[in-house]
């Protein structure tokens, strides 16, 4: 797994964590339920980056699409940065 893909993975976990915190702030749930939500969400995100065709051949296609989408986004970012189309701050 490349460094940029790992950073995207961590970004997804961070967004999921913020969503969980916002959900917890609006409801009254217990700490154990928060931990279960975070672990389950992290496991789902982690599985999207793995080849799970040996476990479930039908799921590997749909879960592999997220990995392809991230690759496409990173490639498009590289192309635009080379062409100077990205805004500089």
N, C-alpha and C. Protein backbone atom coordinates (compact mmCIF):
# COMPACT_ATOMS: atom_id res chain seq x y z
N UNK A 1 0.85 -1.18 0.00
CA UNK A 1 0.00 0.00 0.00
C UNK A 1 0.90 1.24 0.00
N UNK A 2 0.63 2.14 -0.92
CA UNK A 2 1.47 3.33 -1.02
C UNK A 2 1.14 4.31 0.10
N UNK A 3 2.02 5.29 0.25
CA UNK A 3 1.84 6.28 1.32
C UNK A 3 0.59 7.11 1.06
N UNK A 4 0.38 7.52 -0.19
CA UNK A 4 -0.80 8.34 -0.49
C UNK A 4 -2.09 7.56 -0.28
N UNK A 5 -2.08 6.29 -0.64
CA UNK A 5 -3.28 5.47 -0.42
C UNK A 5 -3.52 5.29 1.07
N UNK A 6 -2.45 5.14 1.84
CA UNK A 6 -2.59 5.03 3.29
C UNK A 6 -3.16 6.32 3.87
N UNK A 7 -2.71 7.47 3.35
CA UNK A 7 -3.25 8.74 3.82
C UNK A 7 -4.73 8.88 3.48
N UNK A 8 -5.14 8.40 2.31
CA UNK A 8 -6.56 8.42 1.96
C UNK A 8 -7.35 7.53 2.91
N UNK A 9 -6.78 6.38 3.25
CA UNK A 9 -7.41 5.47 4.21
C UNK A 9 -7.58 6.16 5.56
N UNK A 10 -6.55 6.85 6.02
CA UNK A 10 -6.63 7.56 7.30
C UNK A 10 -7.63 8.71 7.23
N UNK A 11 -7.71 9.37 6.08
CA UNK A 11 -8.69 10.44 5.91
C UNK A 11 -10.12 9.90 6.01
N UNK A 12 -10.36 8.74 5.41
CA UNK A 12 -11.69 8.13 5.52
C UNK A 12 -12.02 7.79 6.96
N UNK A 13 -11.05 7.27 7.71
CA UNK A 13 -11.28 6.95 9.11
C UNK A 13 -11.53 8.22 9.91
N UNK A 14 -10.80 9.29 9.60
CA UNK A 14 -11.01 10.55 10.32
C UNK A 14 -12.41 11.10 10.05
N UNK A 15 -12.86 11.03 8.79
CA UNK A 15 -14.21 11.50 8.48
C UNK A 15 -15.25 10.65 9.19
N UNK A 16 -15.02 9.34 9.23
CA UNK A 16 -15.96 8.46 9.92
C UNK A 16 -15.98 8.77 11.41
N UNK A 17 -14.82 9.07 11.98
CA UNK A 17 -14.75 9.40 13.41
C UNK A 17 -15.50 10.69 13.70
N UNK A 18 -15.33 11.71 12.85
CA UNK A 18 -16.06 12.96 13.04
C UNK A 18 -17.57 12.76 12.91
N UNK A 19 -17.97 11.91 11.97
CA UNK A 19 -19.39 11.61 11.83
C UNK A 19 -19.92 10.92 13.08
N UNK A 20 -19.14 10.00 13.62
CA UNK A 20 -19.54 9.31 14.85
C UNK A 20 -19.66 10.28 16.01
N UNK A 21 -18.70 11.20 16.12
CA UNK A 21 -18.74 12.19 17.21
C UNK A 21 -19.98 13.07 17.07
N UNK A 22 -20.30 13.48 15.84
CA UNK A 22 -21.49 14.31 15.63
C UNK A 22 -22.76 13.53 15.98
N UNK A 23 -22.77 12.25 15.63
CA UNK A 23 -23.92 11.41 15.96
C UNK A 23 -24.07 11.26 17.47
N UNK A 24 -22.94 11.05 18.15
CA UNK A 24 -22.97 10.89 19.60
C UNK A 24 -23.43 12.18 20.27
N UNK A 25 -23.02 13.31 19.73
CA UNK A 25 -23.41 14.59 20.32
C UNK A 25 -24.92 14.82 20.21
N UNK A 26 -25.54 14.25 19.19
CA UNK A 26 -26.97 14.46 19.01
C UNK A 26 -27.83 13.40 19.69
N UNK A 27 -27.21 12.32 20.14
CA UNK A 27 -27.96 11.24 20.80
C UNK A 27 -27.27 10.86 22.09
N UNK A 28 -27.92 10.02 22.85
CA UNK A 28 -27.34 9.53 24.10
C UNK A 28 -27.04 8.04 23.93
N UNK A 29 -25.81 7.72 23.55
CA UNK A 29 -25.42 6.32 23.45
C UNK A 29 -24.19 6.09 24.31
N UNK A 30 -23.88 4.84 24.54
CA UNK A 30 -22.81 4.48 25.46
C UNK A 30 -21.47 4.39 24.75
N UNK A 31 -20.40 4.43 25.50
CA UNK A 31 -19.04 4.37 24.96
C UNK A 31 -18.79 3.07 24.21
N UNK A 32 -19.33 1.97 24.69
CA UNK A 32 -19.13 0.68 24.02
C UNK A 32 -19.72 0.72 22.61
N UNK A 33 -20.86 1.34 22.46
CA UNK A 33 -21.48 1.43 21.14
C UNK A 33 -20.65 2.30 20.20
N UNK A 34 -20.04 3.35 20.72
CA UNK A 34 -19.16 4.20 19.91
C UNK A 34 -17.97 3.38 19.41
N UNK A 35 -17.36 2.63 20.30
CA UNK A 35 -16.19 1.82 19.93
C UNK A 35 -16.58 0.78 18.89
N UNK A 36 -17.73 0.14 19.06
CA UNK A 36 -18.18 -0.86 18.09
C UNK A 36 -18.39 -0.21 16.72
N UNK A 37 -18.99 0.98 16.70
CA UNK A 37 -19.21 1.68 15.42
C UNK A 37 -17.89 2.01 14.74
N UNK A 38 -16.92 2.50 15.50
CA UNK A 38 -15.63 2.87 14.91
C UNK A 38 -14.86 1.64 14.42
N UNK A 39 -14.87 0.57 15.19
CA UNK A 39 -14.16 -0.65 14.79
C UNK A 39 -14.81 -1.25 13.55
N UNK A 40 -16.13 -1.32 13.54
CA UNK A 40 -16.82 -1.89 12.38
C UNK A 40 -16.58 -1.04 11.13
N UNK A 41 -16.66 0.28 11.27
CA UNK A 41 -16.41 1.15 10.12
C UNK A 41 -14.98 1.06 9.62
N UNK A 42 -14.02 0.99 10.54
CA UNK A 42 -12.62 0.86 10.14
C UNK A 42 -12.38 -0.46 9.43
N UNK A 43 -13.03 -1.52 9.90
CA UNK A 43 -12.88 -2.82 9.26
C UNK A 43 -13.44 -2.80 7.84
N UNK A 44 -14.58 -2.16 7.66
CA UNK A 44 -15.17 -2.07 6.32
C UNK A 44 -14.26 -1.28 5.39
N UNK A 45 -13.73 -0.16 5.87
CA UNK A 45 -12.84 0.65 5.04
C UNK A 45 -11.56 -0.13 4.72
N UNK A 46 -11.01 -0.83 5.72
CA UNK A 46 -9.80 -1.61 5.48
C UNK A 46 -10.05 -2.70 4.45
N UNK A 47 -11.20 -3.34 4.51
CA UNK A 47 -11.49 -4.43 3.58
C UNK A 47 -11.62 -3.92 2.14
N UNK A 48 -11.99 -2.65 1.96
CA UNK A 48 -12.11 -2.12 0.61
C UNK A 48 -10.75 -2.03 -0.07
N UNK A 49 -9.69 -1.96 0.70
CA UNK A 49 -8.35 -1.84 0.13
C UNK A 49 -7.67 -3.19 -0.03
N UNK A 50 -8.34 -4.25 0.33
CA UNK A 50 -7.74 -5.58 0.27
C UNK A 50 -8.39 -6.38 -0.85
N UNK A 51 -7.71 -7.40 -1.27
CA UNK A 51 -8.27 -8.31 -2.26
C UNK A 51 -9.01 -9.41 -1.51
N UNK A 52 -10.33 -9.34 -1.50
CA UNK A 52 -11.10 -10.32 -0.74
C UNK A 52 -11.80 -11.31 -1.66
N UNK A 53 -11.28 -11.48 -2.87
CA UNK A 53 -11.92 -12.39 -3.80
C UNK A 53 -11.91 -13.82 -3.30
N UNK A 54 -10.93 -14.16 -2.46
CA UNK A 54 -10.89 -15.52 -1.93
C UNK A 54 -12.00 -15.74 -0.90
N UNK A 55 -12.50 -14.67 -0.29
CA UNK A 55 -13.56 -14.80 0.71
C UNK A 55 -14.92 -14.75 0.04
N UNK A 56 -15.12 -13.74 -0.78
CA UNK A 56 -16.42 -13.55 -1.43
C UNK A 56 -16.18 -12.96 -2.81
N UNK A 57 -16.35 -13.78 -3.83
CA UNK A 57 -16.01 -13.34 -5.18
C UNK A 57 -16.95 -12.24 -5.68
N UNK A 58 -18.20 -12.22 -5.23
CA UNK A 58 -19.12 -11.18 -5.70
C UNK A 58 -18.84 -9.84 -5.05
N UNK A 59 -18.35 -9.84 -3.82
CA UNK A 59 -18.08 -8.58 -3.12
C UNK A 59 -16.78 -7.94 -3.58
N UNK A 60 -15.86 -8.74 -4.10
CA UNK A 60 -14.55 -8.18 -4.46
C UNK A 60 -14.66 -7.16 -5.57
N UNK A 61 -15.62 -7.34 -6.48
CA UNK A 61 -15.77 -6.37 -7.57
C UNK A 61 -16.25 -5.02 -7.09
N UNK A 62 -17.27 -5.02 -6.25
CA UNK A 62 -17.82 -3.75 -5.80
C UNK A 62 -16.88 -3.06 -4.83
N UNK A 63 -16.21 -3.82 -3.97
CA UNK A 63 -15.29 -3.20 -3.01
C UNK A 63 -14.00 -2.76 -3.69
N UNK A 64 -13.62 -3.42 -4.75
CA UNK A 64 -12.43 -3.02 -5.48
C UNK A 64 -12.61 -1.71 -6.23
N UNK A 65 -13.87 -1.34 -6.49
CA UNK A 65 -14.14 -0.10 -7.20
C UNK A 65 -13.69 1.12 -6.41
N UNK A 66 -13.79 1.08 -5.08
CA UNK A 66 -13.34 2.21 -4.27
C UNK A 66 -11.84 2.42 -4.43
N UNK A 67 -11.10 1.33 -4.46
CA UNK A 67 -9.66 1.43 -4.65
C UNK A 67 -9.34 2.03 -6.02
N UNK A 68 -10.09 1.63 -7.05
CA UNK A 68 -9.90 2.20 -8.39
C UNK A 68 -10.26 3.68 -8.42
N UNK A 69 -11.33 4.06 -7.71
CA UNK A 69 -11.72 5.47 -7.68
C UNK A 69 -10.65 6.32 -7.02
N UNK A 70 -10.05 5.82 -5.94
CA UNK A 70 -8.99 6.58 -5.27
C UNK A 70 -7.79 6.71 -6.19
N UNK A 71 -7.44 5.64 -6.91
CA UNK A 71 -6.34 5.72 -7.87
C UNK A 71 -6.63 6.76 -8.95
N UNK A 72 -7.87 6.76 -9.47
CA UNK A 72 -8.24 7.74 -10.50
C UNK A 72 -8.16 9.16 -9.98
N UNK A 73 -8.63 9.39 -8.75
CA UNK A 73 -8.56 10.73 -8.17
C UNK A 73 -7.12 11.19 -8.00
N UNK A 74 -6.26 10.29 -7.52
CA UNK A 74 -4.85 10.66 -7.34
C UNK A 74 -4.17 10.92 -8.68
N UNK A 75 -4.50 10.13 -9.70
CA UNK A 75 -3.92 10.34 -11.03
C UNK A 75 -4.39 11.66 -11.63
N UNK A 76 -5.69 11.97 -11.46
CA UNK A 76 -6.20 13.24 -11.98
C UNK A 76 -5.56 14.42 -11.26
N UNK A 77 -5.35 14.29 -9.95
CA UNK A 77 -4.68 15.34 -9.20
C UNK A 77 -3.26 15.55 -9.73
N UNK A 78 -2.55 14.44 -9.98
CA UNK A 78 -1.19 14.55 -10.52
C UNK A 78 -1.19 15.25 -11.87
N UNK A 79 -2.12 14.88 -12.75
CA UNK A 79 -2.18 15.49 -14.08
C UNK A 79 -2.47 16.99 -13.99
N UNK A 80 -3.41 17.36 -13.14
CA UNK A 80 -3.76 18.78 -13.02
C UNK A 80 -2.63 19.58 -12.38
N UNK A 81 -1.92 18.97 -11.45
CA UNK A 81 -0.82 19.71 -10.83
C UNK A 81 0.33 19.89 -11.82
N UNK A 82 0.54 18.92 -12.70
CA UNK A 82 1.58 19.05 -13.72
C UNK A 82 1.20 20.14 -14.72
N UNK A 83 -0.08 20.19 -15.09
CA UNK A 83 -0.56 21.18 -16.06
C UNK A 83 -0.76 22.56 -15.46
N UNK A 84 -0.62 22.69 -14.16
CA UNK A 84 -0.78 23.98 -13.51
C UNK A 84 -2.22 24.42 -13.36
N UNK A 85 -3.16 23.48 -13.40
CA UNK A 85 -4.57 23.83 -13.31
C UNK A 85 -5.05 23.99 -11.87
N UNK A 86 -4.28 23.53 -10.90
CA UNK A 86 -4.69 23.62 -9.51
C UNK A 86 -4.41 25.01 -8.96
N UNK A 87 -5.26 25.46 -8.08
CA UNK A 87 -5.07 26.78 -7.48
C UNK A 87 -3.94 26.73 -6.46
N UNK A 88 -3.13 27.73 -6.47
CA UNK A 88 -2.05 27.84 -5.49
C UNK A 88 -2.51 28.71 -4.35
N UNK A 89 -2.17 28.34 -3.14
CA UNK A 89 -2.56 29.13 -1.96
C UNK A 89 -1.38 29.94 -1.50
